[in-house]
PDB file of N, CA and C in Angstrom:
ATOM      1  N   MET A   1      84.374  95.057 119.295  1.00  0.00           N
ATOM      2  CA  MET A   1      85.534  95.675 118.693  1.00  0.00           C
ATOM      3  C   MET A   1      85.543  97.158 119.071  1.00  0.00           C
ATOM      4  N   SER A   2      86.700  97.645 119.453  1.00  0.00           N
ATOM      5  CA  SER A   2      86.796  99.038 119.891  1.00  0.00           C
ATOM      6  C   SER A   2      86.676  99.992 118.694  1.00  0.00           C
ATOM      7  N   LYS A   3      86.385 101.224 119.011  1.00  0.00           N
ATOM      8  CA  LYS A   3      86.223 102.243 117.973  1.00  0.00           C
ATOM      9  C   LYS A   3      87.525 102.418 117.185  1.00  0.00           C
ATOM     10  N   LYS A   4      88.648 102.362 117.885  1.00  0.00           N
ATOM     11  CA  LYS A   4      89.948 102.534 117.233  1.00  0.00           C
ATOM     12  C   LYS A   4      90.222 101.387 116.249  1.00  0.00           C
ATOM     13  N   LYS A   5      89.898 100.152 116.649  1.00  0.00           N
ATOM     14  CA  LYS A   5      90.110  99.002 115.775  1.00  0.00           C
ATOM     15  C   LYS A   5      89.176  99.055 114.571  1.00  0.00           C
ATOM     16  N   LYS A   6      87.943  99.505 114.781  1.00  0.00           N
ATOM     17  CA  LYS A   6      87.001  99.632 113.676  1.00  0.00           C
ATOM     18  C   LYS A   6      87.503 100.650 112.657  1.00  0.00           C
ATOM     19  N   GLN A   7      88.027 101.773 113.141  1.00  0.00           N
ATOM     20  CA  GLN A   7      88.542 102.809 112.246  1.00  0.00           C
ATOM     21  C   GLN A   7      89.768 102.301 111.493  1.00  0.00           C
ATOM     22  N   LEU A   8      90.631 101.559 112.178  1.00  0.00           N
ATOM     23  CA  LEU A   8      91.816 100.995 111.532  1.00  0.00           C
ATOM     24  C   LEU A   8      91.408 100.011 110.436  1.00  0.00           C
ATOM     25  N   LYS A   9      90.445  99.161 110.726  1.00  0.00           N
ATOM     26  CA  LYS A   9      89.961  98.193 109.742  1.00  0.00           C
ATOM     27  C   LYS A   9      89.360  98.911 108.536  1.00  0.00           C
ATOM     28  N   LYS A  10      88.603  99.966 108.785  1.00  0.00           N
ATOM     29  CA  LYS A  10      87.996 100.742 107.713  1.00  0.00           C
ATOM     30  C   LYS A  10      89.073 101.397 106.849  1.00  0.00           C
ATOM     31  N   THR A  11      90.098 101.928 107.477  1.00  0.00           N
ATOM     32  CA  THR A  11      91.196 102.566 106.756  1.00  0.00           C
ATOM     33  C   THR A  11      91.950 101.564 105.894  1.00  0.00           C
ATOM     34  N   ILE A  12      92.255 100.396 106.455  1.00  0.00           N
ATOM     35  CA  ILE A  12      92.967  99.361 105.707  1.00  0.00           C
ATOM     36  C   ILE A  12      92.141  98.914 104.508  1.00  0.00           C
ATOM     37  N   ASN A  13      90.845  98.681 104.708  1.00  0.00           N
ATOM     38  CA  ASN A  13      89.978  98.283 103.604  1.00  0.00           C
ATOM     39  C   ASN A  13      89.940  99.338 102.503  1.00  0.00           C
ATOM     40  N   HIS A  14      89.908 100.608 102.895  1.00  0.00           N
ATOM     41  CA  HIS A  14      89.901 101.698 101.920  1.00  0.00           C
ATOM     42  C   HIS A  14      91.195 101.700 101.107  1.00  0.00           C
ATOM     43  N   VAL A  15      92.324 101.532 101.762  1.00  0.00           N
ATOM     44  CA  VAL A  15      93.621 101.543 101.078  1.00  0.00           C
ATOM     45  C   VAL A  15      93.725 100.371 100.105  1.00  0.00           C
ATOM     46  N   VAL A  16      93.291  99.199 100.540  1.00  0.00           N
ATOM     47  CA  VAL A  16      93.348  98.014  99.672  1.00  0.00           C
ATOM     48  C   VAL A  16      92.454  98.214  98.450  1.00  0.00           C
ATOM     49  N   ASN A  17      91.225  98.660  98.658  1.00  0.00           N
ATOM     50  CA  ASN A  17      90.309  98.891  97.541  1.00  0.00           C
ATOM     51  C   ASN A  17      90.852  99.931  96.570  1.00  0.00           C
ATOM     52  N   HIS A  18      91.395 101.010  97.106  1.00  0.00           N
ATOM     53  CA  HIS A  18      91.962 102.067  96.261  1.00  0.00           C
ATOM     54  C   HIS A  18      93.136 101.530  95.448  1.00  0.00           C
ATOM     55  N   SER A  19      93.988 100.752  96.081  1.00  0.00           N
ATOM     56  CA  SER A  19      95.160 100.201  95.388  1.00  0.00           C
ATOM     57  C   SER A  19      94.744  99.255  94.273  1.00  0.00           C
ATOM     58  N   LEU A  20      93.752  98.404  94.539  1.00  0.00           N
ATOM     59  CA  LEU A  20      93.292  97.474  93.513  1.00  0.00           C
ATOM     60  C   LEU A  20      92.633  98.208  92.342  1.00  0.00           C
ATOM     61  N   GLU A  21      91.867  99.235  92.620  1.00  0.00           N
ATOM     62  CA  GLU A  21      91.265 100.031  91.555  1.00  0.00           C
ATOM     63  C   GLU A  21      92.352 100.725  90.738  1.00  0.00           C
ATOM     64  N   ARG A  22      93.373 101.187  91.407  1.00  0.00           N
ATOM     65  CA  ARG A  22      94.471 101.889  90.735  1.00  0.00           C
ATOM     66  C   ARG A  22      95.225 100.959  89.796  1.00  0.00           C
ATOM     67  N   MET A  23      95.340  99.687  90.163  1.00  0.00           N
ATOM     68  CA  MET A  23      96.073  98.724  89.336  1.00  0.00           C
ATOM     69  C   MET A  23      95.449  98.561  87.949  1.00  0.00           C
ATOM     70  N   LYS A  24      94.155  98.773  87.838  1.00  0.00           N
ATOM     71  CA  LYS A  24      93.470  98.644  86.552  1.00  0.00           C
ATOM     72  C   LYS A  24      94.022  99.622  85.517  1.00  0.00           C
ATOM     73  N   LYS A  25      94.530 100.760  85.979  1.00  0.00           N
ATOM     74  CA  LYS A  25      94.961 101.825  85.072  1.00  0.00           C
ATOM     75  C   LYS A  25      96.467 101.851  84.852  1.00  0.00           C
ATOM     76  N   LEU A  26      97.200 100.984  85.536  1.00  0.00           N
ATOM     77  CA  LEU A  26      98.661 101.005  85.454  1.00  0.00           C
ATOM     78  C   LEU A  26      99.187 100.026  84.421  1.00  0.00           C
ATOM     79  N   LYS A  27     100.391 100.309  83.939  1.00  0.00           N
ATOM     80  CA  LYS A  27     101.097  99.391  83.053  1.00  0.00           C
ATOM     81  C   LYS A  27     101.574  98.203  83.885  1.00  0.00           C
ATOM     82  N   PRO A  28     101.856  97.061  83.247  1.00  0.00           N
ATOM     83  CA  PRO A  28     102.266  95.863  84.002  1.00  0.00           C
ATOM     84  C   PRO A  28     103.442  96.096  84.958  1.00  0.00           C
ATOM     85  N   ALA A  29     104.466  96.793  84.517  1.00  0.00           N
ATOM     86  CA  ALA A  29     105.629  97.035  85.385  1.00  0.00           C
ATOM     87  C   ALA A  29     105.241  97.887  86.593  1.00  0.00           C
ATOM     88  N   GLU A  30     104.366  98.866  86.373  1.00  0.00           N
ATOM     89  CA  GLU A  30     103.915  99.723  87.473  1.00  0.00           C
ATOM     90  C   GLU A  30     103.041  98.945  88.447  1.00  0.00           C
ATOM     91  N   ARG A  31     102.219  98.017  87.909  1.00  0.00           N
ATOM     92  CA  ARG A  31     101.402  97.166  88.784  1.00  0.00           C
ATOM     93  C   ARG A  31     102.279  96.312  89.679  1.00  0.00           C
ATOM     94  N   LEU A  32     103.357  95.772  89.112  1.00  0.00           N
ATOM     95  CA  LEU A  32     104.279  94.962  89.893  1.00  0.00           C
ATOM     96  C   LEU A  32     104.881  95.782  91.033  1.00  0.00           C
ATOM     97  N   GLU A  33     105.321  96.996  90.735  1.00  0.00           N
ATOM     98  CA  GLU A  33     105.920  97.849  91.768  1.00  0.00           C
ATOM     99  C   GLU A  33     104.922  98.157  92.877  1.00  0.00           C
ATOM    100  N   LEU A  34     103.679  98.438  92.510  1.00  0.00           N
ATOM    101  CA  LEU A  34     102.646  98.710  93.506  1.00  0.00           C
ATOM    102  C   LEU A  34     102.380  97.468  94.355  1.00  0.00           C
ATOM    103  N   LEU A  35     102.301  96.308  93.708  1.00  0.00           N
ATOM    104  CA  LEU A  35     102.082  95.056  94.427  1.00  0.00           C
ATOM    105  C   LEU A  35     103.228  94.770  95.401  1.00  0.00           C
ATOM    106  N   LEU A  36     104.460  95.021  94.982  1.00  0.00           N
ATOM    107  CA  LEU A  36     105.615  94.826  95.869  1.00  0.00           C
ATOM    108  C   LEU A  36     105.559  95.776  97.063  1.00  0.00           C
ATOM    109  N   GLU A  37     105.138  97.002  96.823  1.00  0.00           N
ATOM    110  CA  GLU A  37     105.021  97.980  97.907  1.00  0.00           C
ATOM    111  C   GLU A  37     103.958  97.540  98.920  1.00  0.00           C
ATOM    112  N   ILE A  38     102.819  97.086  98.416  1.00  0.00           N
ATOM    113  CA  ILE A  38     101.757  96.613  99.310  1.00  0.00           C
ATOM    114  C   ILE A  38     102.237  95.395 100.086  1.00  0.00           C
ATOM    115  N   GLY A  39     102.943  94.481  99.408  1.00  0.00           N
ATOM    116  CA  GLY A  39     103.500  93.305 100.083  1.00  0.00           C
ATOM    117  C   GLY A  39     104.458  93.691 101.186  1.00  0.00           C
ATOM    118  N   GLU A  40     105.222  94.738 100.967  1.00  0.00           N
ATOM    119  CA  GLU A  40     106.152  95.214 101.996  1.00  0.00           C
ATOM    120  C   GLU A  40     105.385  95.690 103.223  1.00  0.00           C
ATOM    121  N   TRP A  41     104.272  96.382 103.013  1.00  0.00           N
ATOM    122  CA  TRP A  41     103.445  96.828 104.149  1.00  0.00           C
ATOM    123  C   TRP A  41     102.919  95.637 104.927  1.00  0.00           C
ATOM    124  N   ILE A  42     102.499  94.590 104.180  1.00  0.00           N
ATOM    125  CA  ILE A  42     101.848  93.441 104.811  1.00  0.00           C
ATOM    126  C   ILE A  42     102.835  92.555 105.556  1.00  0.00           C
ATOM    127  N   PHE A  43     103.969  92.252 104.930  1.00  0.00           N
ATOM    128  CA  PHE A  43     104.855  91.218 105.457  1.00  0.00           C
ATOM    129  C   PHE A  43     105.996  91.722 106.333  1.00  0.00           C
ATOM    130  N   ASN A  44     106.287  93.005 106.313  1.00  0.00           N
ATOM    131  CA  ASN A  44     107.378  93.541 107.134  1.00  0.00           C
ATOM    132  C   ASN A  44     106.830  94.277 108.345  1.00  0.00           C
ATOM    133  N   ASP A  45     107.532  94.164 109.454  1.00  0.00           N
ATOM    134  CA  ASP A  45     107.143  94.910 110.643  1.00  0.00           C
ATOM    135  C   ASP A  45     107.376  96.395 110.418  1.00  0.00           C
ATOM    136  N   LEU A  46     106.535  97.196 111.001  1.00  0.00           N
ATOM    137  CA  LEU A  46     106.647  98.647 110.877  1.00  0.00           C
ATOM    138  C   LEU A  46     107.769  99.146 111.774  1.00  0.00           C
ATOM    139  N   ASP A  47     108.705  99.867 111.180  1.00  0.00           N
ATOM    140  CA  ASP A  47     109.778 100.493 111.930  1.00  0.00           C
ATOM    141  C   ASP A  47     109.603 102.004 111.787  1.00  0.00           C
ATOM    142  N   LEU A  48     109.152 102.646 112.850  1.00  0.00           N
ATOM    143  CA  LEU A  48     108.849 104.078 112.777  1.00  0.00           C
ATOM    144  C   LEU A  48     110.068 104.932 112.468  1.00  0.00           C
ATOM    145  N   ASP A  49     111.265 104.424 112.770  1.00  0.00           N
ATOM    146  CA  ASP A  49     112.475 105.179 112.454  1.00  0.00           C
ATOM    147  C   ASP A  49     112.700 105.278 110.945  1.00  0.00           C
ATOM    148  N   ASP A  50     112.147 104.330 110.185  1.00  0.00           N
ATOM    149  CA  ASP A  50     112.303 104.333 108.732  1.00  0.00           C
ATOM    150  C   ASP A  50     111.201 105.104 108.022  1.00  0.00           C
ATOM    151  N   GLU A  51     110.177 105.504 108.731  1.00  0.00           N
ATOM    152  CA  GLU A  51     109.041 106.189 108.118  1.00  0.00           C
ATOM    153  C   GLU A  51     109.218 107.701 108.189  1.00  0.00           C
ATOM    154  N   LEU A  52     108.863 108.355 107.116  1.00  0.00           N
ATOM    155  CA  LEU A  52     108.915 109.812 107.071  1.00  0.00           C
ATOM    156  C   LEU A  52     107.584 110.348 107.581  1.00  0.00           C
ATOM    157  N   MET A  53     107.648 111.107 108.644  1.00  0.00           N
ATOM    158  CA  MET A  53     106.436 111.696 109.199  1.00  0.00           C
ATOM    159  C   MET A  53     106.618 113.210 109.221  1.00  0.00           C
ATOM    160  N   VAL A  54     105.661 113.880 108.650  1.00  0.00           N
ATOM    161  CA  VAL A  54     105.712 115.335 108.588  1.00  0.00           C
ATOM    162  C   VAL A  54     104.687 115.882 109.568  1.00  0.00           C
ATOM    163  N   PRO A  55     105.138 116.697 110.516  1.00  0.00           N
ATOM    164  CA  PRO A  55     104.179 117.244 111.479  1.00  0.00           C
ATOM    165  C   PRO A  55     103.262 118.265 110.818  1.00  0.00           C
ATOM    166  N   GLN A  56     102.098 118.426 111.388  1.00  0.00           N
ATOM    167  CA  GLN A  56     101.170 119.443 110.913  1.00  0.00           C
ATOM    168  C   GLN A  56     101.429 120.710 111.712  1.00  0.00           C
ATOM    169  N   PHE A  57     101.947 121.698 111.035  1.00  0.00           N
ATOM    170  CA  PHE A  57     102.256 122.956 111.699  1.00  0.00           C
ATOM    171  C   PHE A  57     101.015 123.820 111.778  1.00  0.00           C
ATOM    172  N   LYS A  58     100.961 124.592 112.826  1.00  0.00           N
ATOM    173  CA  LYS A  58      99.838 125.502 112.997  1.00  0.00           C
ATOM    174  C   LYS A  58      99.983 126.643 111.990  1.00  0.00           C
ATOM    175  N   LYS A  59      98.933 126.876 111.242  1.00  0.00           N
ATOM    176  CA  LYS A  59      98.957 127.918 110.228  1.00  0.00           C
ATOM    177  C   LYS A  59      98.659 129.259 110.887  1.00  0.00           C
ATOM    178  N   GLU A  60      99.567 130.189 110.685  1.00  0.00           N
ATOM    179  CA  GLU A  60      99.385 131.518 111.263  1.00  0.00           C
ATOM    180  C   GLU A  60      99.089 132.512 110.148  1.00  0.00           C
ATOM    181  N   GLU A  61      98.110 133.306 110.385  1.00  0.00           N
ATOM    182  CA  GLU A  61      97.775 134.342 109.421  1.00  0.00           C
ATOM    183  C   GLU A  61      98.420 135.643 109.878  1.00  0.00           C
ATOM    184  N   LYS A  62      99.060 136.316 108.942  1.00  0.00           N
ATOM    185  CA  LYS A  62      99.702 137.583 109.257  1.00  0.00           C
ATOM    186  C   LYS A  62      98.793 138.726 108.845  1.00  0.00           C
ATOM    187  N   THR A  63      98.733 139.682 109.710  1.00  0.00           N
ATOM    188  CA  THR A  63      97.961 140.884 109.375  1.00  0.00           C
ATOM    189  C   THR A  63      98.898 141.897 108.761  1.00  0.00           C
ATOM    190  N   ILE A  64      98.354 142.926 108.226  1.00  0.00           N
ATOM    191  CA  ILE A  64      99.168 143.957 107.573  1.00  0.00           C
ATOM    192  C   ILE A  64     100.141 144.587 108.575  1.00  0.00           C
ATOM    193  N   GLU A  65      99.734 144.736 109.824  1.00  0.00           N
ATOM    194  CA  GLU A  65     100.594 145.350 110.830  1.00  0.00           C
ATOM    195  C   GLU A  65     101.829 144.490 111.128  1.00  0.00           C
ATOM    196  N   GLN A  66     101.723 143.172 110.961  1.00  0.00           N
ATOM    197  CA  GLN A  66     102.838 142.284 111.263  1.00  0.00           C
ATOM    198  C   GLN A  66     103.843 142.233 110.133  1.00  0.00           C
ATOM    199  N   ILE A  67     103.480 142.692 108.947  1.00  0.00           N
ATOM    200  CA  ILE A  67     104.390 142.608 107.794  1.00  0.00           C
ATOM    201  C   ILE A  67     105.311 143.758 107.745  1.00  0.00           C
TER     202      ILE A  67
END
């Protein structure tokens, strides 16, 4: 298995475990909503046009002379 696939598998396992742990603390209606959201990830194809992606901007520090 490639390094990229191993990292993806590790990430998916982490998300699933976190979601299941989170369900313990939620009200029944909130658990249902979370379960539906997870089901959407699993059963629907990913459409990148529908996903919100925020770029990481380079942080610039200003010196006193630049202000």
